[in-house]
C-alpha atoms as a PDB file:
ATOM      1  CA  MET A   1       6.295  -6.204  -1.140  1.00  0.00           C
ATOM      2  CA  GLN A   2       9.263  -5.927  -3.827  1.00  0.00           C
ATOM      3  CA  VAL A   3       8.402  -4.387  -7.251  1.00  0.00           C
ATOM      4  CA  PRO A   4       9.925  -6.785  -9.917  1.00  0.00           C
ATOM      5  CA  ALA A   5      12.964  -4.931 -11.661  1.00  0.00           C
ATOM      6  CA  ALA A   6      11.996  -3.887 -15.412  1.00  0.00           C
ATOM      7  CA  PRO A   7      13.847  -5.718 -17.847  1.00  0.00           C
ATOM      8  CA  PRO A   8      17.177  -4.047 -19.074  1.00  0.00           C
ATOM      9  CA  THR A   9      16.784  -1.763 -22.192  1.00  0.00           C
ATOM     10  CA  LEU A  10      18.280  -3.119 -24.989  1.00  0.00           C
ATOM     11  CA  ARG A  11      21.078  -1.092 -26.594  1.00  0.00           C
ATOM     12  CA  VAL A  12      21.778  -0.435 -30.094  1.00  0.00           C
ATOM     13  CA  LEU A  13      24.545   1.285 -31.642  1.00  0.00           C
ATOM     14  CA  VAL A  14      24.419   3.155 -35.112  1.00  0.00           C
ATOM     15  CA  ILE A  15      27.313   3.756 -36.938  1.00  0.00           C
ATOM     16  CA  ASP A  16      26.711   5.708 -39.930  1.00  0.00           C
ATOM     17  CA  ASP A  17      28.435   8.779 -41.516  1.00  0.00           C
ATOM     18  CA  SER A  18      25.081  10.068 -42.766  1.00  0.00           C
ATOM     19  CA  PRO A  19      23.428  12.200 -40.103  1.00  0.00           C
ATOM     20  CA  THR A  20      20.106  11.420 -41.818  1.00  0.00           C
ATOM     21  CA  ILE A  21      20.496   7.835 -41.924  1.00  0.00           C
ATOM     22  CA  ARG A  22      21.764   7.869 -38.222  1.00  0.00           C
ATOM     23  CA  ARG A  23      18.816  10.227 -37.187  1.00  0.00           C
ATOM     24  CA  SER A  24      16.218   7.715 -38.665  1.00  0.00           C
ATOM     25  CA  ALA A  25      17.239   4.958 -37.380  1.00  0.00           C
ATOM     26  CA  GLU A  26      17.368   6.482 -33.853  1.00  0.00           C
ATOM     27  CA  MET A  27      13.798   7.697 -34.098  1.00  0.00           C
ATOM     28  CA  VAL A  28      12.499   4.350 -35.587  1.00  0.00           C
ATOM     29  CA  LEU A  29      14.579   2.206 -32.512  1.00  0.00           C
ATOM     30  CA  ALA A  30      13.810   4.674 -30.066  1.00  0.00           C
ATOM     31  CA  ARG A  31      10.167   4.376 -30.743  1.00  0.00           C
ATOM     32  CA  ALA A  32      10.639   0.347 -30.470  1.00  0.00           C
ATOM     33  CA  GLY A  33      11.767   1.047 -26.898  1.00  0.00           C
ATOM     34  CA  LEU A  34      15.417   0.581 -27.586  1.00  0.00           C
ATOM     35  CA  GLN A  35      18.284   2.897 -26.429  1.00  0.00           C
ATOM     36  CA  VAL A  36      20.357   3.977 -28.936  1.00  0.00           C
ATOM     37  CA  ASP A  37      23.975   5.312 -29.125  1.00  0.00           C
ATOM     38  CA  LEU A  38      25.157   6.845 -32.141  1.00  0.00           C
ATOM     39  CA  ALA A  39      28.650   7.046 -34.059  1.00  0.00           C
ATOM     40  CA  GLU A  40      29.549   9.231 -37.184  1.00  0.00           C
ATOM     41  CA  ASN A  41      32.363   6.651 -38.336  1.00  0.00           C
ATOM     42  CA  GLY A  42      34.084   3.620 -37.417  1.00  0.00           C
ATOM     43  CA  PHE A  43      36.964   5.322 -35.324  1.00  0.00           C
ATOM     44  CA  ALA A  44      34.060   7.140 -33.186  1.00  0.00           C
ATOM     45  CA  ALA A  45      32.385   3.725 -32.774  1.00  0.00           C
ATOM     46  CA  LEU A  46      35.488   1.991 -31.695  1.00  0.00           C
ATOM     47  CA  ALA A  47      36.368   4.829 -29.198  1.00  0.00           C
ATOM     48  CA  ARG A  48      32.755   4.845 -27.707  1.00  0.00           C
ATOM     49  CA  ILE A  49      31.804   1.001 -27.914  1.00  0.00           C
ATOM     50  CA  SER A  50      33.482   0.162 -24.530  1.00  0.00           C
ATOM     51  CA  ASP A  51      31.302   2.680 -22.585  1.00  0.00           C
ATOM     52  CA  CYS A  52      27.890   2.000 -24.237  1.00  0.00           C
ATOM     53  CA  ARG A  53      28.327  -2.030 -24.399  1.00  0.00           C
ATOM     54  CA  PRO A  54      25.517  -2.208 -27.111  1.00  0.00           C
ATOM     55  CA  ASP A  55      23.398  -5.403 -27.263  1.00  0.00           C
ATOM     56  CA  LEU A  56      23.487  -5.038 -31.555  1.00  0.00           C
ATOM     57  CA  ILE A  57      25.520  -2.731 -33.805  1.00  0.00           C
ATOM     58  CA  LEU A  58      24.148  -1.362 -37.074  1.00  0.00           C
ATOM     59  CA  LEU A  59      27.299  -0.544 -39.331  1.00  0.00           C
ATOM     60  CA  ASP A  60      27.271   1.248 -42.672  1.00  0.00           C
ATOM     61  CA  VAL A  61      29.680  -0.222 -44.898  1.00  0.00           C
ATOM     62  CA  MET A  62      30.607   2.797 -47.366  1.00  0.00           C
ATOM     63  CA  MET A  63      32.371   5.328 -44.520  1.00  0.00           C
ATOM     64  CA  PRO A  64      35.476   7.491 -44.946  1.00  0.00           C
ATOM     65  CA  ARG A  65      39.007   6.228 -43.168  1.00  0.00           C
ATOM     66  CA  LEU A  66      37.576   3.110 -41.728  1.00  0.00           C
ATOM     67  CA  ASP A  67      34.746   1.345 -43.587  1.00  0.00           C
ATOM     68  CA  GLY A  68      32.384  -0.840 -42.353  1.00  0.00           C
ATOM     69  CA  TYR A  69      33.865  -3.868 -43.257  1.00  0.00           C
ATOM     70  CA  GLN A  70      37.391  -2.875 -41.421  1.00  0.00           C
ATOM     71  CA  THR A  71      35.125  -1.802 -38.452  1.00  0.00           C
ATOM     72  CA  CYS A  72      33.547  -5.164 -38.184  1.00  0.00           C
ATOM     73  CA  SER A  73      36.382  -7.119 -38.673  1.00  0.00           C
ATOM     74  CA  LEU A  74      38.006  -5.161 -35.877  1.00  0.00           C
ATOM     75  CA  LEU A  75      34.858  -5.845 -33.723  1.00  0.00           C
ATOM     76  CA  ARG A  76      35.069  -9.123 -34.255  1.00  0.00           C
ATOM     77  CA  ARG A  77      38.800  -9.767 -33.200  1.00  0.00           C
ATOM     78  CA  ASN A  78      37.940  -8.335 -29.828  1.00  0.00           C
ATOM     79  CA  PRO A  79      36.474 -11.055 -27.636  1.00  0.00           C
ATOM     80  CA  ALA A  80      34.136  -8.178 -25.507  1.00  0.00           C
ATOM     81  CA  PHE A  81      32.183  -7.551 -28.764  1.00  0.00           C
ATOM     82  CA  ALA A  82      33.074 -10.934 -30.871  1.00  0.00           C
ATOM     83  CA  ASP A  83      29.308 -12.081 -30.212  1.00  0.00           C
ATOM     84  CA  VAL A  84      27.357  -8.440 -30.734  1.00  0.00           C
ATOM     85  CA  PRO A  85      25.410  -8.850 -33.762  1.00  0.00           C
ATOM     86  CA  VAL A  86      26.356  -6.608 -36.447  1.00  0.00           C
ATOM     87  CA  ILE A  87      24.038  -5.520 -39.262  1.00  0.00           C
ATOM     88  CA  MET A  88      25.690  -4.107 -42.005  1.00  0.00           C
ATOM     89  CA  LEU A  89      23.972  -0.967 -44.218  1.00  0.00           C
ATOM     90  CA  SER A  90      24.752  -0.387 -47.588  1.00  0.00           C
ATOM     91  CA  GLY A  91      23.506   0.890 -50.654  1.00  0.00           C
ATOM     92  CA  LYS A  92      25.132  -1.560 -52.716  1.00  0.00           C
ATOM     93  CA  ASP A  93      23.529  -4.759 -53.198  1.00  0.00           C
ATOM     94  CA  THR A  94      26.066  -7.240 -55.168  1.00  0.00           C
ATOM     95  CA  VAL A  95      26.817 -10.728 -54.248  1.00  0.00           C
ATOM     96  CA  PHE A  96      30.513  -9.545 -54.014  1.00  0.00           C
ATOM     97  CA  ASP A  97      29.265  -6.945 -51.331  1.00  0.00           C
ATOM     98  CA  ARG A  98      26.976  -9.490 -49.701  1.00  0.00           C
ATOM     99  CA  VAL A  99      30.033 -12.060 -49.246  1.00  0.00           C
ATOM    100  CA  ARG A 100      32.592  -9.337 -48.290  1.00  0.00           C
ATOM    101  CA  GLY A 101      30.380  -8.276 -45.344  1.00  0.00           C
ATOM    102  CA  ARG A 102      29.820 -12.105 -44.303  1.00  0.00           C
ATOM    103  CA  LEU A 103      33.561 -12.635 -44.501  1.00  0.00           C
ATOM    104  CA  ALA A 104      34.042  -9.414 -42.450  1.00  0.00           C
ATOM    105  CA  GLY A 105      31.856 -10.985 -39.608  1.00  0.00           C
ATOM    106  CA  SER A 106      28.486  -9.203 -40.139  1.00  0.00           C
ATOM    107  CA  ASP A 107      25.159 -11.001 -39.105  1.00  0.00           C
ATOM    108  CA  LEU A 108      23.023  -9.398 -41.555  1.00  0.00           C
ATOM    109  CA  TYR A 109      23.300  -7.210 -44.762  1.00  0.00           C
ATOM    110  CA  LEU A 110      20.575  -4.652 -45.258  1.00  0.00           C
ATOM    111  CA  THR A 111      20.338  -2.761 -48.163  1.00  0.00           C
ATOM    112  CA  LYS A 112      19.652   0.990 -48.246  1.00  0.00           C
ATOM    113  CA  PRO A 113      16.835   2.287 -48.665  1.00  0.00           C
ATOM    114  CA  PHE A 114      15.067   0.322 -46.129  1.00  0.00           C
ATOM    115  CA  THR A 115      11.536   0.892 -44.532  1.00  0.00           C
ATOM    116  CA  SER A 116      11.179   1.110 -40.782  1.00  0.00           C
ATOM    117  CA  GLU A 117       9.464  -2.108 -40.870  1.00  0.00           C
ATOM    118  CA  THR A 118      12.306  -3.951 -42.387  1.00  0.00           C
ATOM    119  CA  LEU A 119      14.780  -2.055 -39.934  1.00  0.00           C
ATOM    120  CA  LEU A 120      12.765  -3.447 -37.008  1.00  0.00           C
ATOM    121  CA  GLU A 121      12.356  -6.758 -38.370  1.00  0.00           C
ATOM    122  CA  ALA A 122      16.085  -7.332 -38.698  1.00  0.00           C
ATOM    123  CA  VAL A 123      16.929  -5.726 -35.280  1.00  0.00           C
ATOM    124  CA  HIS A 124      14.371  -7.974 -33.701  1.00  0.00           C
ATOM    125  CA  ALA A 125      15.752 -10.858 -35.262  1.00  0.00           C
ATOM    126  CA  HIS A 126      19.098 -10.170 -34.058  1.00  0.00           C
ATOM    127  CA  LEU A 127      18.675  -8.939 -30.571  1.00  0.00           C
ATOM    128  CA  PRO A 128      19.350 -11.167 -27.618  1.00  0.00           C
ATOM    129  CA  ALA A 129      16.155 -12.962 -26.159  1.00  0.00           C
ATOM    130  CA  ARG A 130      16.155 -10.443 -23.253  1.00  0.00           C
ATOM    131  CA  GLY A 131      12.979  -8.913 -24.418  1.00  0.00           C
ATOM    132  CA  CYS A 132      10.998  -7.738 -27.325  1.00  0.00           C
ATOM    133  CA  LEU A 133      10.410  -4.498 -29.110  1.00  0.00           C
ATOM    134  CA  GLN A 134       7.478  -2.298 -27.728  1.00  0.00           C
ATOM    135  CA  GLY A 135       4.470  -2.685 -29.868  1.00  0.00           C
ATOM    136  CA  GLU A 136       5.062  -6.721 -30.257  1.00  0.00           C
ATOM    137  CA  ALA A 137       3.107  -9.408 -28.853  1.00  0.00           C
ATOM    138  CA  GLN A 138       5.103 -11.354 -26.319  1.00  0.00           C
END
């Protein structure tokens, strides 16, 4: 008798120049059963994204050299990643910032600081329907 294969683990790429945000997001997402990859800036993310093939991207807006808007725009131009959901993370919460995020191609704009619950709700709402997060009813 063959045992059915476990569903593939959903993968999230967290791109943020703050080690604290990267580590916090990693802990919350890993506890929810997600595989987490980290990048400290847009250039590092673009260099590793083909290898990690994320199902969702958490992207900081304010980063040196290549900001989140630029990174998101570049991802949207690449057919391999054009449909990967992007949740932008920012301490800025003006209408202008939110619109700029949408124009760059983000699916959601989440304002820092955010709670673990808010982060998980946002991630769950934008993950592909291949499974659900651990601890949630199916």
